[in-house]
N, C-alpha and C. Protein backbone atom coordinates (compact mmCIF):
# COMPACT_ATOMS: atom_id res chain seq x y z
N MET A 1 41.87 100.07 108.54
CA MET A 1 42.96 100.10 107.58
C MET A 1 42.55 101.04 106.45
N SER A 2 43.45 101.91 106.07
CA SER A 2 43.15 102.86 105.01
C SER A 2 43.20 102.19 103.64
N GLY A 3 42.57 102.82 102.67
CA GLY A 3 42.55 102.26 101.33
C GLY A 3 43.92 102.19 100.69
N THR A 4 44.76 103.18 100.98
CA THR A 4 46.11 103.19 100.41
C THR A 4 46.93 102.03 100.95
N ARG A 5 46.82 101.80 102.26
CA ARG A 5 47.59 100.69 102.86
C ARG A 5 47.11 99.36 102.30
N ALA A 6 45.81 99.20 102.14
CA ALA A 6 45.26 97.97 101.59
C ALA A 6 45.73 97.76 100.15
N ALA A 7 45.82 98.84 99.38
CA ALA A 7 46.28 98.74 97.99
C ALA A 7 47.75 98.32 97.94
N VAL A 8 48.54 98.87 98.83
CA VAL A 8 49.97 98.51 98.86
C VAL A 8 50.14 97.06 99.26
N ILE A 9 49.43 96.62 100.29
CA ILE A 9 49.51 95.23 100.72
C ILE A 9 49.02 94.31 99.60
N GLY A 10 47.94 94.69 98.94
CA GLY A 10 47.44 93.90 97.81
C GLY A 10 48.45 93.83 96.68
N GLY A 11 49.14 94.93 96.42
CA GLY A 11 50.18 94.92 95.38
C GLY A 11 51.32 93.97 95.72
N PHE A 12 51.73 93.96 96.99
CA PHE A 12 52.79 93.04 97.40
C PHE A 12 52.32 91.59 97.29
N VAL A 13 51.07 91.32 97.64
CA VAL A 13 50.53 89.96 97.53
C VAL A 13 50.51 89.52 96.07
N VAL A 14 50.08 90.40 95.18
CA VAL A 14 50.06 90.07 93.74
C VAL A 14 51.47 89.84 93.22
N ALA A 15 52.43 90.69 93.63
CA ALA A 15 53.82 90.52 93.19
C ALA A 15 54.39 89.19 93.69
N LEU A 16 54.09 88.83 94.93
CA LEU A 16 54.57 87.57 95.49
C LEU A 16 53.95 86.39 94.76
N ALA A 17 52.66 86.48 94.43
CA ALA A 17 52.00 85.41 93.69
C ALA A 17 52.60 85.26 92.29
N LEU A 18 52.87 86.38 91.62
CA LEU A 18 53.49 86.32 90.29
C LEU A 18 54.89 85.73 90.36
N PHE A 19 55.64 86.08 91.41
CA PHE A 19 56.96 85.51 91.61
C PHE A 19 56.87 83.99 91.78
N GLY A 20 55.88 83.54 92.56
CA GLY A 20 55.70 82.10 92.76
C GLY A 20 55.34 81.38 91.47
N VAL A 21 54.47 81.98 90.67
CA VAL A 21 54.10 81.38 89.38
C VAL A 21 55.31 81.31 88.45
N LEU A 22 56.10 82.38 88.41
CA LEU A 22 57.29 82.40 87.57
C LEU A 22 58.29 81.33 88.01
N GLU A 23 58.45 81.15 89.32
CA GLU A 23 59.36 80.13 89.82
C GLU A 23 58.87 78.73 89.46
N LEU A 24 57.56 78.51 89.55
CA LEU A 24 57.01 77.22 89.16
C LEU A 24 57.22 76.96 87.67
N LEU A 25 57.03 77.99 86.86
CA LEU A 25 57.27 77.83 85.41
C LEU A 25 58.74 77.56 85.12
N ALA A 26 59.64 78.15 85.89
CA ALA A 26 61.07 77.96 85.69
C ALA A 26 61.51 76.55 86.07
N ARG A 27 60.80 75.91 86.97
CA ARG A 27 61.20 74.59 87.45
C ARG A 27 60.62 73.45 86.62
N ARG A 28 59.85 73.76 85.59
CA ARG A 28 59.35 72.70 84.71
C ARG A 28 60.51 72.08 83.95
N PRO A 29 60.43 70.80 83.62
CA PRO A 29 61.49 70.17 82.82
C PRO A 29 61.58 70.83 81.43
N GLY A 30 62.79 71.18 81.02
CA GLY A 30 63.00 71.78 79.71
C GLY A 30 62.71 73.26 79.64
N SER A 31 62.45 73.92 80.75
CA SER A 31 62.14 75.35 80.75
C SER A 31 63.40 76.16 80.49
N ARG A 32 63.24 77.24 79.73
CA ARG A 32 64.38 78.13 79.45
C ARG A 32 64.39 79.32 80.39
N ILE A 33 63.43 79.40 81.30
CA ILE A 33 63.36 80.48 82.29
C ILE A 33 64.29 80.12 83.44
N PRO A 34 65.20 81.01 83.83
CA PRO A 34 66.09 80.68 84.95
C PRO A 34 65.34 80.75 86.29
N THR A 35 65.72 79.88 87.22
CA THR A 35 65.13 79.92 88.55
C THR A 35 65.72 81.10 89.32
N PHE A 36 65.11 81.43 90.46
CA PHE A 36 65.59 82.52 91.29
C PHE A 36 67.01 82.23 91.77
N GLY A 37 67.30 80.98 92.08
CA GLY A 37 68.65 80.60 92.51
C GLY A 37 69.67 80.80 91.40
N ASP A 38 69.30 80.48 90.17
CA ASP A 38 70.20 80.69 89.03
C ASP A 38 70.50 82.17 88.82
N VAL A 39 69.47 83.00 88.94
CA VAL A 39 69.66 84.44 88.77
C VAL A 39 70.56 84.99 89.88
N CYS A 40 70.32 84.55 91.11
CA CYS A 40 71.16 85.01 92.23
C CYS A 40 72.60 84.57 92.04
N ALA A 41 72.82 83.34 91.61
CA ALA A 41 74.19 82.85 91.39
C ALA A 41 74.89 83.65 90.30
N TYR A 42 74.16 84.00 89.25
CA TYR A 42 74.76 84.78 88.17
C TYR A 42 75.14 86.18 88.65
N VAL A 43 74.25 86.81 89.42
CA VAL A 43 74.52 88.17 89.92
C VAL A 43 75.67 88.14 90.92
N MET A 44 75.70 87.14 91.79
CA MET A 44 76.72 87.09 92.85
C MET A 44 78.13 86.84 92.31
N GLN A 45 78.26 86.24 91.13
CA GLN A 45 79.59 85.96 90.60
C GLN A 45 80.20 87.15 89.86
N TYR A 46 79.44 88.23 89.67
CA TYR A 46 79.92 89.39 88.92
C TYR A 46 80.99 90.12 89.71
N GLU A 47 82.12 90.35 89.10
CA GLU A 47 83.23 91.07 89.72
C GLU A 47 83.80 92.09 88.75
N VAL A 48 84.33 93.17 89.30
CA VAL A 48 85.08 94.16 88.52
C VAL A 48 86.48 94.16 89.12
N GLY A 49 87.41 93.58 88.39
CA GLY A 49 88.73 93.38 88.95
C GLY A 49 88.65 92.34 90.04
N ARG A 50 89.07 92.72 91.24
CA ARG A 50 88.95 91.80 92.37
C ARG A 50 87.83 92.21 93.32
N VAL A 51 87.01 93.18 92.93
CA VAL A 51 85.92 93.68 93.78
C VAL A 51 84.64 92.90 93.45
N PRO A 52 84.05 92.21 94.43
CA PRO A 52 82.82 91.43 94.18
C PRO A 52 81.59 92.33 94.12
N VAL A 53 81.42 93.00 93.01
CA VAL A 53 80.35 93.99 92.86
C VAL A 53 78.97 93.34 93.01
N GLY A 54 78.80 92.14 92.50
CA GLY A 54 77.51 91.46 92.61
C GLY A 54 77.14 91.19 94.05
N ARG A 55 78.09 90.71 94.83
CA ARG A 55 77.82 90.43 96.25
C ARG A 55 77.52 91.71 97.01
N ILE A 56 78.26 92.77 96.69
CA ILE A 56 78.01 94.06 97.34
C ILE A 56 76.61 94.57 96.98
N GLY A 57 76.23 94.40 95.72
CA GLY A 57 74.91 94.83 95.29
C GLY A 57 73.79 94.06 95.97
N VAL A 58 73.95 92.74 96.08
CA VAL A 58 72.93 91.92 96.75
C VAL A 58 72.86 92.30 98.23
N PHE A 59 74.02 92.48 98.86
CA PHE A 59 74.04 92.91 100.26
C PHE A 59 73.35 94.26 100.42
N GLY A 60 73.65 95.19 99.53
CA GLY A 60 73.02 96.51 99.59
C GLY A 60 71.52 96.44 99.39
N PHE A 61 71.07 95.57 98.49
CA PHE A 61 69.64 95.40 98.28
C PHE A 61 68.98 94.89 99.54
N TRP A 62 69.53 93.86 100.18
CA TRP A 62 68.93 93.31 101.40
C TRP A 62 68.99 94.33 102.54
N TRP A 63 70.04 95.12 102.60
CA TRP A 63 70.12 96.17 103.60
C TRP A 63 68.99 97.17 103.38
N TRP A 64 68.75 97.58 102.14
CA TRP A 64 67.69 98.52 101.82
C TRP A 64 66.33 97.95 102.19
N VAL A 65 66.08 96.69 101.85
CA VAL A 65 64.80 96.06 102.18
C VAL A 65 64.61 96.04 103.70
N GLY A 66 65.64 95.62 104.42
CA GLY A 66 65.53 95.58 105.87
C GLY A 66 65.30 96.96 106.48
N TRP A 67 66.00 97.94 105.96
CA TRP A 67 65.88 99.30 106.49
C TRP A 67 64.47 99.85 106.26
N HIS A 68 63.91 99.60 105.08
CA HIS A 68 62.62 100.19 104.74
C HIS A 68 61.41 99.41 105.24
N PHE A 69 61.55 98.12 105.42
CA PHE A 69 60.38 97.33 105.79
C PHE A 69 60.43 96.76 107.19
N PHE A 70 61.62 96.56 107.76
CA PHE A 70 61.71 95.90 109.04
C PHE A 70 62.20 96.78 110.17
N ALA A 71 62.78 97.92 109.90
CA ALA A 71 63.29 98.81 110.95
C ALA A 71 62.18 99.75 111.39
N ARG A 72 61.71 99.55 112.54
CA ARG A 72 60.66 100.42 113.10
C ARG A 72 60.94 100.66 114.55
């Protein structure tokens, strides 16, 4: 495994760990930090007129992730 690949994998592991810590902090009683579900619900309800821009954005994000990381 090359050093660059190891650094990228390590970066993703660190980001995932930080995300987990943030989620745990958000789930404490009385926390003012929104959970991941709260953030997703807020983004998904965003509309411009009758166009669900938030849902389109979330769908586009997941499409991008799938295209770049899972399509081989």
